Amino acid sequence: MLVNSNDILNKALKEGYAVPAYNINNLEWTKYILEACNEDKSPVILAVTEKSANYCGGFKVIYNMVKGLIDSLNIKVPVVLHLDHGSSFESCKKAIDAGFTSVMLDKSKENLEKNILETNKVIDYANLKNVSVEAEIGAMNEEENHSDTMIVYADLEDAKTFVLQTGVNSLAPAIGNKHGVYKGEPKIDFELLGAICKEVKIPLVLHGASGLDENKIKTAIFCGVCKININTDLQITWSKAVRNFLEYDKDVYDPRIIIASGEKELKNLVHEKNNLFGSKNRAI
């Protein structure tokens, strides 16, 4: 069933685990992720970037695809359809109007005042539709540039001010995490993360979790992270399996067979992450 993220994230915060947010890039990935999470009895957030939505034909296409799969596959666990890193009020509104149950407005590169102003605009509209809202403070790097100089760590006082003046449902603070592939040892500031959790008392979100080891993931959850985003790990795992398959069978040309050759490994990764995050059997 499609839900917003409020109940499942607050339950995760109370019970000390994290809900997985898997980026979906096509129908097959969506199907595989839903099946694996349903098997694990794990709540799941299906994250969609604007680029992915455009690739698939728009927000409404994504909504209809997800809704159709939930119905036809008889998915019983809570499913959140989430706009990941929405760039504007207009983009968030389009996703909400299409049926998305959660949106993220990312104005982290703006000053605090503008970030608050723009986020409140989205919250006002989202509240009318019972849609949850995520925001970000501090700044992570763009995928093309993994330089440490791109990291702007979240400020504790800014986080307190932001939550007080917006009432946002969940917050993604920049704590040294990065999108894409980490180069070198990730420098995650868990002390900052824990301090933010203690002050704001709302679910925190970890972006750029692909490539973080088990200890860092568990520490992040201990420090208040209730939603963990996974995209790059899925892409690497699936593409490696497909490459190996194509190397093995050079005569195959059916796209359905080619895409499905990555199903087993992708599902294995989802099961692994559900176990690590502690979300397995939380939807019972």
C-alpha atoms as a PDB file:
ATOM      1  CA  MET A   1       0.000   0.000   0.000  1.00  0.00           C
ATOM      2  CA  LEU A   2       1.166   3.524  -0.751  1.00  0.00           C
ATOM      3  CA  VAL A   3       1.768   5.681   2.344  1.00  0.00           C
ATOM      4  CA  ASN A   4       3.692   8.799   3.226  1.00  0.00           C
ATOM      5  CA  SER A   5       6.881   8.410   5.232  1.00  0.00           C
ATOM      6  CA  ASN A   6       5.741   9.877   8.550  1.00  0.00           C
ATOM      7  CA  ASP A   7       4.542   6.788  10.394  1.00  0.00           C
ATOM      8  CA  ILE A   8       7.225   4.400   9.155  1.00  0.00           C
ATOM      9  CA  LEU A   9      10.117   6.791   9.843  1.00  0.00           C
ATOM     10  CA  ASN A  10       8.890   7.763  13.293  1.00  0.00           C
ATOM     11  CA  LYS A  11       8.457   4.069  14.113  1.00  0.00           C
ATOM     12  CA  ALA A  12      12.028   3.467  12.915  1.00  0.00           C
ATOM     13  CA  LEU A  13      13.320   6.340  15.072  1.00  0.00           C
ATOM     14  CA  LYS A  14      11.547   4.947  18.124  1.00  0.00           C
ATOM     15  CA  GLU A  15      12.695   1.348  17.562  1.00  0.00           C
ATOM     16  CA  GLY A  16      16.253   2.039  16.337  1.00  0.00           C
ATOM     17  CA  TYR A  17      16.410   0.904  12.720  1.00  0.00           C
ATOM     18  CA  ALA A  18      16.374   2.525   9.270  1.00  0.00           C
ATOM     19  CA  VAL A  19      13.952   2.236   6.369  1.00  0.00           C
ATOM     20  CA  PRO A  20      15.690   1.616   3.020  1.00  0.00           C
ATOM     21  CA  ALA A  21      15.181   4.127   0.224  1.00  0.00           C
ATOM     22  CA  TYR A  22      16.069   2.458  -3.060  1.00  0.00           C
ATOM     23  CA  ASN A  23      16.302   4.537  -6.224  1.00  0.00           C
ATOM     24  CA  ILE A  24      14.304   3.033  -9.059  1.00  0.00           C
ATOM     25  CA  ASN A  25      15.344   3.514 -12.669  1.00  0.00           C
ATOM     26  CA  ASN A  26      12.928   1.343 -14.628  1.00  0.00           C
ATOM     27  CA  LEU A  27      10.015  -1.058 -14.309  1.00  0.00           C
ATOM     28  CA  GLU A  28      12.203  -4.113 -13.730  1.00  0.00           C
ATOM     29  CA  TRP A  29      14.133  -2.607 -10.832  1.00  0.00           C
ATOM     30  CA  THR A  30      10.888  -1.453  -9.247  1.00  0.00           C
ATOM     31  CA  LYS A  31       9.439  -4.947  -9.516  1.00  0.00           C
ATOM     32  CA  TYR A  32      12.564  -6.612  -8.089  1.00  0.00           C
ATOM     33  CA  ILE A  33      12.792  -4.205  -5.135  1.00  0.00           C
ATOM     34  CA  LEU A  34       9.104  -4.529  -4.288  1.00  0.00           C
ATOM     35  CA  GLU A  35       9.266  -8.325  -4.428  1.00  0.00           C
ATOM     36  CA  ALA A  36      12.386  -8.504  -2.253  1.00  0.00           C
ATOM     37  CA  CYS A  37      11.012  -6.104   0.371  1.00  0.00           C
ATOM     38  CA  ASN A  38       7.656  -7.868   0.424  1.00  0.00           C
ATOM     39  CA  GLU A  39       9.477 -11.146   1.005  1.00  0.00           C
ATOM     40  CA  ASP A  40      11.472  -9.561   3.849  1.00  0.00           C
ATOM     41  CA  LYS A  41       8.372  -7.866   5.279  1.00  0.00           C
ATOM     42  CA  SER A  42      10.319  -4.626   5.125  1.00  0.00           C
ATOM     43  CA  PRO A  43       8.775  -1.186   4.585  1.00  0.00           C
ATOM     44  CA  VAL A  44      10.371   0.472   1.581  1.00  0.00           C
ATOM     45  CA  ILE A  45      10.803   3.902   0.058  1.00  0.00           C
ATOM     46  CA  LEU A  46      11.007   4.000  -3.731  1.00  0.00           C
ATOM     47  CA  ALA A  47      13.093   7.059  -4.555  1.00  0.00           C
ATOM     48  CA  VAL A  48      12.821   8.796  -7.919  1.00  0.00           C
ATOM     49  CA  THR A  49      15.017  11.633  -9.150  1.00  0.00           C
ATOM     50  CA  GLU A  50      13.789  14.156 -11.680  1.00  0.00           C
ATOM     51  CA  LYS A  51      16.155  12.625 -14.250  1.00  0.00           C
ATOM     52  CA  SER A  52      14.725   9.154 -13.652  1.00  0.00           C
ATOM     53  CA  ALA A  53      11.170  10.465 -13.875  1.00  0.00           C
ATOM     54  CA  ASN A  54      11.938  12.134 -17.195  1.00  0.00           C
ATOM     55  CA  TYR A  55      13.623   8.959 -18.448  1.00  0.00           C
ATOM     56  CA  CYS A  56      10.508   6.923 -17.649  1.00  0.00           C
ATOM     57  CA  GLY A  57       8.088   9.439 -19.176  1.00  0.00           C
ATOM     58  CA  GLY A  58       7.143  11.644 -16.233  1.00  0.00           C
ATOM     59  CA  PHE A  59       5.882  11.541 -12.665  1.00  0.00           C
ATOM     60  CA  LYS A  60       2.458  10.202 -13.613  1.00  0.00           C
ATOM     61  CA  VAL A  61       3.998   7.284 -15.495  1.00  0.00           C
ATOM     62  CA  ILE A  62       6.092   6.443 -12.430  1.00  0.00           C
ATOM     63  CA  TYR A  63       3.049   6.619 -10.150  1.00  0.00           C
ATOM     64  CA  ASN A  64       0.940   4.396 -12.407  1.00  0.00           C
ATOM     65  CA  MET A  65       3.797   1.906 -12.748  1.00  0.00           C
ATOM     66  CA  VAL A  66       4.336   1.671  -8.984  1.00  0.00           C
ATOM     67  CA  LYS A  67       0.636   1.538  -8.171  1.00  0.00           C
ATOM     68  CA  GLY A  68       0.088  -1.137 -10.809  1.00  0.00           C
ATOM     69  CA  LEU A  69       2.958  -3.265  -9.521  1.00  0.00           C
ATOM     70  CA  ILE A  70       1.767  -2.989  -5.916  1.00  0.00           C
ATOM     71  CA  ASP A  71      -1.655  -4.205  -6.971  1.00  0.00           C
ATOM     72  CA  SER A  72      -0.602  -6.932  -9.398  1.00  0.00           C
ATOM     73  CA  LEU A  73       2.182  -8.311  -7.179  1.00  0.00           C
ATOM     74  CA  ASN A  74      -0.044  -8.169  -4.084  1.00  0.00           C
ATOM     75  CA  ILE A  75       2.516  -6.158  -2.149  1.00  0.00           C
ATOM     76  CA  LYS A  76       1.533  -6.020   1.525  1.00  0.00           C
ATOM     77  CA  VAL A  77       4.305  -3.875   3.028  1.00  0.00           C
ATOM     78  CA  PRO A  78       4.119  -0.066   3.308  1.00  0.00           C
ATOM     79  CA  VAL A  79       5.527   1.612   0.199  1.00  0.00           C
ATOM     80  CA  VAL A  80       6.487   5.278  -0.051  1.00  0.00           C
ATOM     81  CA  LEU A  81       6.818   6.860  -3.502  1.00  0.00           C
ATOM     82  CA  HIS A  82       9.349   9.622  -2.973  1.00  0.00           C
ATOM     83  CA  LEU A  83      10.785  12.443  -5.083  1.00  0.00           C
ATOM     84  CA  ASP A  84      14.524  12.451  -4.399  1.00  0.00           C
ATOM     85  CA  HIS A  85      16.358  15.804  -4.519  1.00  0.00           C
ATOM     86  CA  GLY A  86      13.530  17.837  -5.993  1.00  0.00           C
ATOM     87  CA  SER A  87      15.010  21.035  -7.363  1.00  0.00           C
ATOM     88  CA  SER A  88      12.047  23.395  -7.042  1.00  0.00           C
ATOM     89  CA  PHE A  89       8.557  23.938  -5.672  1.00  0.00           C
ATOM     90  CA  GLU A  90       7.202  23.342  -9.183  1.00  0.00           C
ATOM     91  CA  SER A  91       8.886  19.938  -9.427  1.00  0.00           C
ATOM     92  CA  CYS A  92       7.630  18.910  -5.985  1.00  0.00           C
ATOM     93  CA  LYS A  93       4.118  20.059  -6.873  1.00  0.00           C
ATOM     94  CA  LYS A  94       4.140  18.020 -10.085  1.00  0.00           C
ATOM     95  CA  ALA A  95       5.204  14.910  -8.169  1.00  0.00           C
ATOM     96  CA  ILE A  96       2.549  15.479  -5.492  1.00  0.00           C
ATOM     97  CA  ASP A  97      -0.165  16.072  -8.093  1.00  0.00           C
ATOM     98  CA  ALA A  98       0.879  12.867  -9.875  1.00  0.00           C
ATOM     99  CA  GLY A  99       0.328  10.833  -6.694  1.00  0.00           C
ATOM    100  CA  PHE A 100       3.764  10.768  -4.993  1.00  0.00           C
ATOM    101  CA  THR A 101       3.370  10.358  -1.241  1.00  0.00           C
ATOM    102  CA  SER A 102       6.643  12.008  -0.216  1.00  0.00           C
ATOM    103  CA  VAL A 103       8.905  14.707  -1.668  1.00  0.00           C
ATOM    104  CA  MET A 104      12.318  16.126  -0.934  1.00  0.00           C
ATOM    105  CA  LEU A 105      13.100  19.718  -1.719  1.00  0.00           C
ATOM    106  CA  ASP A 106      16.861  20.193  -1.902  1.00  0.00           C
ATOM    107  CA  LYS A 107      17.783  23.836  -1.435  1.00  0.00           C
ATOM    108  CA  SER A 108      20.896  23.016   0.570  1.00  0.00           C
ATOM    109  CA  LYS A 109      23.090  25.174  -1.661  1.00  0.00           C
ATOM    110  CA  GLU A 110      21.039  28.245  -0.777  1.00  0.00           C
ATOM    111  CA  ASN A 111      21.464  30.262   2.408  1.00  0.00           C
ATOM    112  CA  LEU A 112      19.502  29.156   5.462  1.00  0.00           C
ATOM    113  CA  GLU A 113      16.823  31.829   5.115  1.00  0.00           C
ATOM    114  CA  LYS A 114      16.025  30.918   1.519  1.00  0.00           C
ATOM    115  CA  ASN A 115      16.148  27.189   2.273  1.00  0.00           C
ATOM    116  CA  ILE A 116      13.562  27.716   5.027  1.00  0.00           C
ATOM    117  CA  LEU A 117      11.380  29.923   2.831  1.00  0.00           C
ATOM    118  CA  GLU A 118      11.334  27.514  -0.121  1.00  0.00           C
ATOM    119  CA  THR A 119      10.836  24.454   2.078  1.00  0.00           C
ATOM    120  CA  ASN A 120       7.836  26.020   3.824  1.00  0.00           C
ATOM    121  CA  LYS A 121       6.263  26.700   0.458  1.00  0.00           C
ATOM    122  CA  VAL A 122       6.474  22.981  -0.370  1.00  0.00           C
ATOM    123  CA  ILE A 123       5.287  21.969   3.109  1.00  0.00           C
ATOM    124  CA  ASP A 124       2.209  24.182   2.837  1.00  0.00           C
ATOM    125  CA  TYR A 125       1.182  22.474  -0.400  1.00  0.00           C
ATOM    126  CA  ALA A 126       2.195  18.973   0.696  1.00  0.00           C
ATOM    127  CA  ASN A 127       0.117  19.235   3.882  1.00  0.00           C
ATOM    128  CA  LEU A 128      -2.995  19.721   1.779  1.00  0.00           C
ATOM    129  CA  LYS A 129      -2.356  16.342   0.146  1.00  0.00           C
ATOM    130  CA  ASN A 130      -1.099  14.381   3.191  1.00  0.00           C
ATOM    131  CA  VAL A 131       2.384  14.172   1.663  1.00  0.00           C
ATOM    132  CA  SER A 132       5.543  14.065   3.787  1.00  0.00           C
ATOM    133  CA  VAL A 133       8.457  16.427   3.147  1.00  0.00           C
ATOM    134  CA  GLU A 134      12.208  15.934   3.482  1.00  0.00           C
ATOM    135  CA  ALA A 135      14.811  18.685   3.280  1.00  0.00           C
ATOM    136  CA  GLU A 136      18.596  18.991   3.405  1.00  0.00           C
ATOM    137  CA  ILE A 137      21.062  21.281   5.131  1.00  0.00           C
ATOM    138  CA  GLY A 138      24.754  21.494   4.448  1.00  0.00           C
ATOM    139  CA  ALA A 139      25.878  20.394   1.008  1.00  0.00           C
ATOM    140  CA  MET A 140      27.125  17.158  -0.495  1.00  0.00           C
ATOM    141  CA  ASN A 141      29.142  16.939  -3.665  1.00  0.00           C
ATOM    142  CA  GLU A 142      27.765  16.501  -7.151  1.00  0.00           C
ATOM    143  CA  GLU A 143      28.261  13.041  -8.643  1.00  0.00           C
ATOM    144  CA  GLU A 144      30.876  14.296 -11.097  1.00  0.00           C
ATOM    145  CA  ASN A 145      33.159  15.709  -8.420  1.00  0.00           C
ATOM    146  CA  HIS A 146      34.191  13.748  -5.360  1.00  0.00           C
ATOM    147  CA  SER A 147      36.672  16.256  -3.955  1.00  0.00           C
ATOM    148  CA  ASP A 148      36.658  16.761  -0.190  1.00  0.00           C
ATOM    149  CA  THR A 149      36.541  20.499  -0.805  1.00  0.00           C
ATOM    150  CA  MET A 150      32.946  20.115  -2.001  1.00  0.00           C
ATOM    151  CA  ILE A 151      31.685  19.060   1.445  1.00  0.00           C
ATOM    152  CA  VAL A 152      29.888  21.698   3.501  1.00  0.00           C
ATOM    153  CA  TYR A 153      29.021  20.137   6.839  1.00  0.00           C
ATOM    154  CA  ALA A 154      25.632  20.936   8.374  1.00  0.00           C
ATOM    155  CA  ASP A 155      25.671  23.419  11.229  1.00  0.00           C
ATOM    156  CA  LEU A 156      23.990  22.312  14.465  1.00  0.00           C
ATOM    157  CA  GLU A 157      22.377  25.689  15.167  1.00  0.00           C
ATOM    158  CA  ASP A 158      21.165  25.917  11.569  1.00  0.00           C
ATOM    159  CA  ALA A 159      19.593  22.467  11.913  1.00  0.00           C
ATOM    160  CA  LYS A 160      17.728  23.527  15.063  1.00  0.00           C
ATOM    161  CA  THR A 161      16.545  26.745  13.447  1.00  0.00           C
ATOM    162  CA  PHE A 162      15.531  24.986  10.252  1.00  0.00           C
ATOM    163  CA  VAL A 163      13.356  22.387  11.995  1.00  0.00           C
ATOM    164  CA  LEU A 164      11.765  24.940  14.326  1.00  0.00           C
ATOM    165  CA  GLN A 165      10.869  27.294  11.487  1.00  0.00           C
ATOM    166  CA  THR A 166       9.624  24.668   9.029  1.00  0.00           C
ATOM    167  CA  GLY A 167       8.236  21.647  10.864  1.00  0.00           C
ATOM    168  CA  VAL A 168       9.768  19.478   8.132  1.00  0.00           C
ATOM    169  CA  ASN A 169       9.089  15.742   8.549  1.00  0.00           C
ATOM    170  CA  SER A 170      12.647  14.479   8.012  1.00  0.00           C
ATOM    171  CA  LEU A 171      16.049  16.085   7.597  1.00  0.00           C
ATOM    172  CA  ALA A 172      19.160  15.090   5.640  1.00  0.00           C
ATOM    173  CA  PRO A 173      22.190  16.795   7.213  1.00  0.00           C
ATOM    174  CA  ALA A 174      25.497  16.803   5.338  1.00  0.00           C
ATOM    175  CA  ILE A 175      27.969  15.021   7.631  1.00  0.00           C
ATOM    176  CA  GLY A 176      30.751  14.133   5.192  1.00  0.00           C
ATOM    177  CA  ASN A 177      28.640  11.769   3.098  1.00  0.00           C
ATOM    178  CA  LYS A 178      28.834  11.876  -0.698  1.00  0.00           C
ATOM    179  CA  HIS A 179      26.859  10.709  -3.687  1.00  0.00           C
ATOM    180  CA  GLY A 180      28.393   8.270  -6.110  1.00  0.00           C
ATOM    181  CA  VAL A 181      31.567   6.264  -5.445  1.00  0.00           C
ATOM    182  CA  TYR A 182      33.731   7.249  -2.482  1.00  0.00           C
ATOM    183  CA  LYS A 183      37.378   7.894  -3.229  1.00  0.00           C
ATOM    184  CA  GLY A 184      39.360   7.155  -0.106  1.00  0.00           C
ATOM    185  CA  GLU A 185      38.027   6.643   3.399  1.00  0.00           C
ATOM    186  CA  PRO A 186      34.702   8.442   4.016  1.00  0.00           C
ATOM    187  CA  LYS A 187      34.997  11.082   6.745  1.00  0.00           C
ATOM    188  CA  ILE A 188      31.618  10.857   8.430  1.00  0.00           C
ATOM    189  CA  ASP A 189      31.079  13.167  11.423  1.00  0.00           C
ATOM    190  CA  PHE A 190      29.011  10.946  13.713  1.00  0.00           C
ATOM    191  CA  GLU A 191      29.402  13.329  16.648  1.00  0.00           C
ATOM    192  CA  LEU A 192      27.666  16.035  14.612  1.00  0.00           C
ATOM    193  CA  LEU A 193      24.996  13.573  13.490  1.00  0.00           C
ATOM    194  CA  GLY A 194      24.244  12.515  17.053  1.00  0.00           C
ATOM    195  CA  ALA A 195      24.100  16.121  18.246  1.00  0.00           C
ATOM    196  CA  ILE A 196      21.641  17.042  15.495  1.00  0.00           C
ATOM    197  CA  CYS A 197      19.445  14.061  16.350  1.00  0.00           C
ATOM    198  CA  LYS A 198      19.397  15.037  20.018  1.00  0.00           C
ATOM    199  CA  GLU A 199      18.387  18.612  19.233  1.00  0.00           C
ATOM    200  CA  VAL A 200      15.853  18.247  16.413  1.00  0.00           C
ATOM    201  CA  LYS A 201      14.179  14.995  17.521  1.00  0.00           C
ATOM    202  CA  ILE A 202      12.881  14.121  14.048  1.00  0.00           C
ATOM    203  CA  PRO A 203      13.916  11.309  11.669  1.00  0.00           C
ATOM    204  CA  LEU A 204      17.281  11.917  10.016  1.00  0.00           C
ATOM    205  CA  VAL A 205      18.237  10.774   6.525  1.00  0.00           C
ATOM    206  CA  LEU A 206      21.571   9.472   5.238  1.00  0.00           C
ATOM    207  CA  HIS A 207      22.235  10.146   1.566  1.00  0.00           C
ATOM    208  CA  GLY A 208      25.291   8.733  -0.177  1.00  0.00           C
ATOM    209  CA  ALA A 209      25.239   5.482   1.796  1.00  0.00           C
ATOM    210  CA  SER A 210      26.465   3.319  -1.080  1.00  0.00           C
ATOM    211  CA  GLY A 211      29.972   2.170  -0.255  1.00  0.00           C
ATOM    212  CA  LEU A 212      29.779   2.812   3.494  1.00  0.00           C
ATOM    213  CA  ASP A 213      30.841  -0.197   5.545  1.00  0.00           C
ATOM    214  CA  GLU A 214      28.642  -2.047   8.023  1.00  0.00           C
ATOM    215  CA  ASN A 215      30.051  -0.292  11.086  1.00  0.00           C
ATOM    216  CA  LYS A 216      29.404   3.169   9.661  1.00  0.00           C
ATOM    217  CA  ILE A 217      25.847   2.236   8.717  1.00  0.00           C
ATOM    218  CA  LYS A 218      25.113   0.838  12.172  1.00  0.00           C
ATOM    219  CA  THR A 219      26.680   3.871  13.839  1.00  0.00           C
ATOM    220  CA  ALA A 220      24.568   6.205  11.695  1.00  0.00           C
ATOM    221  CA  ILE A 221      21.413   4.345  12.752  1.00  0.00           C
ATOM    222  CA  PHE A 222      22.501   4.531  16.394  1.00  0.00           C
ATOM    223  CA  CYS A 223      22.921   8.297  15.929  1.00  0.00           C
ATOM    224  CA  GLY A 224      19.343   8.743  14.714  1.00  0.00           C
ATOM    225  CA  VAL A 225      19.305   7.943  11.000  1.00  0.00           C
ATOM    226  CA  CYS A 226      15.946   6.401  10.076  1.00  0.00           C
ATOM    227  CA  LYS A 227      16.118   6.518   6.261  1.00  0.00           C
ATOM    228  CA  ILE A 228      19.099   5.370   4.222  1.00  0.00           C
ATOM    229  CA  ASN A 229      19.378   6.038   0.484  1.00  0.00           C
ATOM    230  CA  ILE A 230      20.897   3.439  -1.818  1.00  0.00           C
ATOM    231  CA  ASN A 231      21.420   4.021  -5.531  1.00  0.00           C
ATOM    232  CA  THR A 232      25.033   3.588  -6.655  1.00  0.00           C
ATOM    233  CA  ASP A 233      25.368   0.160  -5.018  1.00  0.00           C
ATOM    234  CA  LEU A 234      22.308  -1.006  -6.952  1.00  0.00           C
ATOM    235  CA  GLN A 235      23.678   0.333 -10.218  1.00  0.00           C
ATOM    236  CA  ILE A 236      27.098  -1.260  -9.752  1.00  0.00           C
ATOM    237  CA  THR A 237      25.697  -4.622  -8.645  1.00  0.00           C
ATOM    238  CA  TRP A 238      23.151  -4.848 -11.463  1.00  0.00           C
ATOM    239  CA  SER A 239      25.506  -3.675 -14.223  1.00  0.00           C
ATOM    240  CA  LYS A 240      28.246  -6.089 -13.135  1.00  0.00           C
ATOM    241  CA  ALA A 241      25.825  -9.030 -13.291  1.00  0.00           C
ATOM    242  CA  VAL A 242      24.569  -7.986 -16.735  1.00  0.00           C
ATOM    243  CA  ARG A 243      28.114  -7.539 -18.071  1.00  0.00           C
ATOM    244  CA  ASN A 244      29.059 -11.013 -16.857  1.00  0.00           C
ATOM    245  CA  PHE A 245      25.955 -12.479 -18.478  1.00  0.00           C
ATOM    246  CA  LEU A 246      26.617 -10.779 -21.818  1.00  0.00           C
ATOM    247  CA  GLU A 247      30.197 -11.968 -21.740  1.00  0.00           C
ATOM    248  CA  TYR A 248      28.947 -15.510 -21.166  1.00  0.00           C
ATOM    249  CA  ASP A 249      26.253 -15.389 -23.866  1.00  0.00           C
ATOM    250  CA  LYS A 250      27.280 -13.134 -26.728  1.00  0.00           C
ATOM    251  CA  ASP A 251      24.350 -14.190 -28.928  1.00  0.00           C
ATOM    252  CA  VAL A 252      21.526 -13.060 -26.652  1.00  0.00           C
ATOM    253  CA  TYR A 253      19.557 -10.071 -27.938  1.00  0.00           C
ATOM    254  CA  ASP A 254      16.219 -10.183 -26.087  1.00  0.00           C
ATOM    255  CA  PRO A 255      16.218  -7.076 -23.838  1.00  0.00           C
ATOM    256  CA  ARG A 256      13.978  -8.812 -21.315  1.00  0.00           C
ATOM    257  CA  ILE A 257      16.524 -11.575 -20.820  1.00  0.00           C
ATOM    258  CA  ILE A 258      19.417  -9.103 -20.675  1.00  0.00           C
ATOM    259  CA  ILE A 259      17.776  -6.884 -18.053  1.00  0.00           C
ATOM    260  CA  ALA A 260      16.602  -9.868 -16.003  1.00  0.00           C
ATOM    261  CA  SER A 261      20.140 -11.252 -15.829  1.00  0.00           C
ATOM    262  CA  GLY A 262      20.781  -8.744 -13.044  1.00  0.00           C
ATOM    263  CA  GLU A 263      17.677  -9.663 -11.032  1.00  0.00           C
ATOM    264  CA  LYS A 264      19.218 -12.220  -8.677  1.00  0.00           C
ATOM    265  CA  GLU A 265      22.172 -10.075  -7.667  1.00  0.00           C
ATOM    266  CA  LEU A 266      20.064  -6.943  -7.266  1.00  0.00           C
ATOM    267  CA  LYS A 267      17.570  -8.782  -5.052  1.00  0.00           C
ATOM    268  CA  ASN A 268      20.417 -10.280  -3.022  1.00  0.00           C
ATOM    269  CA  LEU A 269      21.723  -6.773  -2.389  1.00  0.00           C
ATOM    270  CA  VAL A 270      18.277  -5.556  -1.304  1.00  0.00           C
ATOM    271  CA  HIS A 271      17.951  -8.479   1.130  1.00  0.00           C
ATOM    272  CA  GLU A 272      21.427  -7.694   2.469  1.00  0.00           C
ATOM    273  CA  LYS A 273      20.616  -4.013   3.016  1.00  0.00           C
ATOM    274  CA  ASN A 274      17.256  -4.774   4.637  1.00  0.00           C
ATOM    275  CA  ASN A 275      19.058  -7.009   7.128  1.00  0.00           C
ATOM    276  CA  LEU A 276      21.797  -4.451   7.774  1.00  0.00           C
ATOM    277  CA  PHE A 277      19.376  -1.564   8.253  1.00  0.00           C
ATOM    278  CA  GLY A 278      17.203  -3.642  10.584  1.00  0.00           C
ATOM    279  CA  SER A 279      14.045  -3.108   8.520  1.00  0.00           C
ATOM    280  CA  LYS A 280      13.356  -6.799   7.932  1.00  0.00           C
ATOM    281  CA  ASN A 281      10.129  -7.995   9.598  1.00  0.00           C
ATOM    282  CA  ARG A 282       9.256  -4.455  10.706  1.00  0.00           C
ATOM    283  CA  ALA A 283       6.135  -4.385   8.544  1.00  0.00           C
ATOM    284  CA  ILE A 284       4.480  -7.233  10.444  1.00  0.00           C
END
